Amino acid sequence: MLRLLALILVTCSAFGVSTAKADNSELQLLLQKNNCLACHLIDKRKYGPNLKEVAEKYAGDSGAVERLAAKIKAGGTGVWGEDIMPPQAQVSDADAQKIAKLVLSLQ
């Protein structure tokens, strides 16, 4: 399966085709791996904001990747009302950065 995904990415890149779908697949894998889907969905609200809302809120913010990656690890409250995001210290720094970048690409 991973070989097929890699082949599709290489083929799409070679022909200039957008890889937004592939990025969405990568995001889904990271969300599952790090248990983000317990509270967040891409386009519907669950317990926290949906990830498209997050992308819209931080659109054009040059420091958003770092800020969101830090928030993933440390948790937070107040940005989305009274919702509380508990710390996710088990998420690696690399995964937090990648999740933040992919979420911001949803806009």
C-alpha atoms as a PDB file:
ATOM      1  CA  MET A   1       0.000   0.000   0.000  1.00  0.00           C
ATOM      2  CA  LEU A   2       2.767   2.461   0.882  1.00  0.00           C
ATOM      3  CA  ARG A   3       4.597   1.610  -2.342  1.00  0.00           C
ATOM      4  CA  LEU A   4       1.444   2.361  -4.304  1.00  0.00           C
ATOM      5  CA  LEU A   5       1.012   5.704  -2.526  1.00  0.00           C
ATOM      6  CA  ALA A   6       4.661   6.582  -3.206  1.00  0.00           C
ATOM      7  CA  LEU A   7       4.235   5.662  -6.880  1.00  0.00           C
ATOM      8  CA  ILE A   8       1.130   7.836  -7.137  1.00  0.00           C
ATOM      9  CA  LEU A   9       2.935  10.779  -5.514  1.00  0.00           C
ATOM     10  CA  VAL A  10       5.923  10.452  -7.839  1.00  0.00           C
ATOM     11  CA  THR A  11       3.676  10.152 -10.892  1.00  0.00           C
ATOM     12  CA  CYS A  12       1.554  13.146  -9.869  1.00  0.00           C
ATOM     13  CA  SER A  13       4.626  15.252  -9.141  1.00  0.00           C
ATOM     14  CA  ALA A  14       6.225  14.312 -12.461  1.00  0.00           C
ATOM     15  CA  PHE A  15       3.165  15.488 -14.379  1.00  0.00           C
ATOM     16  CA  GLY A  16       2.448  18.548 -12.247  1.00  0.00           C
ATOM     17  CA  VAL A  17      -0.782  17.116 -10.835  1.00  0.00           C
ATOM     18  CA  SER A  18      -1.874  18.436  -7.440  1.00  0.00           C
ATOM     19  CA  THR A  19      -1.135  16.086  -4.555  1.00  0.00           C
ATOM     20  CA  ALA A  20      -3.779  17.539  -2.227  1.00  0.00           C
ATOM     21  CA  LYS A  21      -5.506  14.150  -1.947  1.00  0.00           C
ATOM     22  CA  ALA A  22      -2.232  12.460  -1.022  1.00  0.00           C
ATOM     23  CA  ASP A  23      -1.565  15.136   1.615  1.00  0.00           C
ATOM     24  CA  ASN A  24      -5.051  14.510   2.995  1.00  0.00           C
ATOM     25  CA  SER A  25      -4.207  10.794   3.228  1.00  0.00           C
ATOM     26  CA  GLU A  26      -0.992  11.604   5.067  1.00  0.00           C
ATOM     27  CA  LEU A  27      -2.938  13.858   7.418  1.00  0.00           C
ATOM     28  CA  GLN A  28      -5.483  11.108   8.102  1.00  0.00           C
ATOM     29  CA  LEU A  29      -2.672   8.667   8.972  1.00  0.00           C
ATOM     30  CA  LEU A  30      -1.055  11.158  11.356  1.00  0.00           C
ATOM     31  CA  LEU A  31      -4.397  12.000  12.972  1.00  0.00           C
ATOM     32  CA  GLN A  32      -5.079   8.308  13.573  1.00  0.00           C
ATOM     33  CA  LYS A  33      -1.553   7.555  14.791  1.00  0.00           C
ATOM     34  CA  ASN A  34      -1.625  10.400  17.322  1.00  0.00           C
ATOM     35  CA  ASN A  35      -5.256   9.942  18.449  1.00  0.00           C
ATOM     36  CA  CYS A  36      -6.305  13.396  17.216  1.00  0.00           C
ATOM     37  CA  LEU A  37      -9.542  11.965  15.839  1.00  0.00           C
ATOM     38  CA  ALA A  38     -10.775  11.405  19.380  1.00  0.00           C
ATOM     39  CA  CYS A  39     -11.672  15.115  19.446  1.00  0.00           C
ATOM     40  CA  HIS A  40     -11.200  16.539  15.927  1.00  0.00           C
ATOM     41  CA  LEU A  41     -12.555  15.762  12.476  1.00  0.00           C
ATOM     42  CA  ILE A  42     -11.547  17.409   9.223  1.00  0.00           C
ATOM     43  CA  ASP A  43     -14.873  18.989   8.267  1.00  0.00           C
ATOM     44  CA  LYS A  44     -17.263  18.398  11.188  1.00  0.00           C
ATOM     45  CA  ARG A  45     -17.173  19.460  14.811  1.00  0.00           C
ATOM     46  CA  LYS A  46     -16.714  16.770  17.414  1.00  0.00           C
ATOM     47  CA  TYR A  47     -15.337  18.003  20.751  1.00  0.00           C
ATOM     48  CA  GLY A  48     -12.885  20.547  19.418  1.00  0.00           C
ATOM     49  CA  PRO A  49     -12.971  22.692  16.285  1.00  0.00           C
ATOM     50  CA  ASN A  50     -12.876  20.909  12.960  1.00  0.00           C
ATOM     51  CA  LEU A  51      -9.540  21.149  11.215  1.00  0.00           C
ATOM     52  CA  LYS A  52     -10.849  23.248   8.328  1.00  0.00           C
ATOM     53  CA  GLU A  53     -11.942  25.858  10.899  1.00  0.00           C
ATOM     54  CA  VAL A  54      -8.417  25.834  12.326  1.00  0.00           C
ATOM     55  CA  ALA A  55      -6.952  26.329   8.837  1.00  0.00           C
ATOM     56  CA  GLU A  56      -9.306  29.252   8.167  1.00  0.00           C
ATOM     57  CA  LYS A  57      -8.579  30.908  11.518  1.00  0.00           C
ATOM     58  CA  TYR A  58      -4.814  30.850  10.962  1.00  0.00           C
ATOM     59  CA  ALA A  59      -4.801  31.607   7.212  1.00  0.00           C
ATOM     60  CA  GLY A  60      -2.077  34.097   6.380  1.00  0.00           C
ATOM     61  CA  ASP A  61      -0.412  33.814   9.810  1.00  0.00           C
ATOM     62  CA  SER A  62       3.292  33.263   9.130  1.00  0.00           C
ATOM     63  CA  GLY A  63       3.897  31.878  12.627  1.00  0.00           C
ATOM     64  CA  ALA A  64       0.940  29.503  12.623  1.00  0.00           C
ATOM     65  CA  VAL A  65       2.868  26.260  12.040  1.00  0.00           C
ATOM     66  CA  GLU A  66       5.085  26.783  15.068  1.00  0.00           C
ATOM     67  CA  ARG A  67       2.205  28.054  17.209  1.00  0.00           C
ATOM     68  CA  LEU A  68      -0.085  25.139  16.313  1.00  0.00           C
ATOM     69  CA  ALA A  69       2.673  22.545  16.737  1.00  0.00           C
ATOM     70  CA  ALA A  70       3.390  23.953  20.212  1.00  0.00           C
ATOM     71  CA  LYS A  71      -0.327  23.938  21.061  1.00  0.00           C
ATOM     72  CA  ILE A  72      -0.631  20.296  19.975  1.00  0.00           C
ATOM     73  CA  LYS A  73       2.110  19.376  22.448  1.00  0.00           C
ATOM     74  CA  ALA A  74       1.198  21.727  25.327  1.00  0.00           C
ATOM     75  CA  GLY A  75      -2.590  21.884  24.998  1.00  0.00           C
ATOM     76  CA  GLY A  76      -4.572  25.037  25.547  1.00  0.00           C
ATOM     77  CA  THR A  77      -7.905  26.740  26.047  1.00  0.00           C
ATOM     78  CA  GLY A  78      -9.724  29.964  25.241  1.00  0.00           C
ATOM     79  CA  VAL A  79      -9.127  30.138  21.500  1.00  0.00           C
ATOM     80  CA  TRP A  80     -12.343  28.267  20.656  1.00  0.00           C
ATOM     81  CA  GLY A  81     -14.476  29.317  23.604  1.00  0.00           C
ATOM     82  CA  GLU A  82     -14.387  27.105  26.659  1.00  0.00           C
ATOM     83  CA  ASP A  83     -13.092  24.041  24.809  1.00  0.00           C
ATOM     84  CA  ILE A  84     -10.011  22.596  26.489  1.00  0.00           C
ATOM     85  CA  MET A  85      -7.347  20.754  24.545  1.00  0.00           C
ATOM     86  CA  PRO A  86      -5.325  18.560  26.875  1.00  0.00           C
ATOM     87  CA  PRO A  87      -1.555  18.356  26.334  1.00  0.00           C
ATOM     88  CA  GLN A  88      -0.438  15.760  23.810  1.00  0.00           C
ATOM     89  CA  ALA A  89       3.164  15.392  24.980  1.00  0.00           C
ATOM     90  CA  GLN A  90       3.402  11.915  23.416  1.00  0.00           C
ATOM     91  CA  VAL A  91       3.222  13.457  19.918  1.00  0.00           C
ATOM     92  CA  SER A  92       6.725  13.808  18.508  1.00  0.00           C
ATOM     93  CA  ASP A  93       7.954  17.271  17.561  1.00  0.00           C
ATOM     94  CA  ALA A  94       8.225  16.097  13.944  1.00  0.00           C
ATOM     95  CA  ASP A  95       4.622  14.811  13.899  1.00  0.00           C
ATOM     96  CA  ALA A  96       3.337  17.997  15.565  1.00  0.00           C
ATOM     97  CA  GLN A  97       5.030  20.121  12.875  1.00  0.00           C
ATOM     98  CA  LYS A  98       3.754  17.889  10.074  1.00  0.00           C
ATOM     99  CA  ILE A  99       0.195  17.860  11.457  1.00  0.00           C
ATOM    100  CA  ALA A 100       0.219  21.651  11.794  1.00  0.00           C
ATOM    101  CA  LYS A 101       1.455  22.108   8.202  1.00  0.00           C
ATOM    102  CA  LEU A 102      -1.077  19.685   6.784  1.00  0.00           C
ATOM    103  CA  VAL A 103      -3.965  21.174   8.775  1.00  0.00           C
ATOM    104  CA  LEU A 104      -3.072  24.651   7.540  1.00  0.00           C
ATOM    105  CA  SER A 105      -3.077  23.353   3.959  1.00  0.00           C
ATOM    106  CA  LEU A 106      -6.804  22.521   4.273  1.00  0.00           C
ATOM    107  CA  GLN A 107      -7.903  26.116   3.673  1.00  0.00           C
END
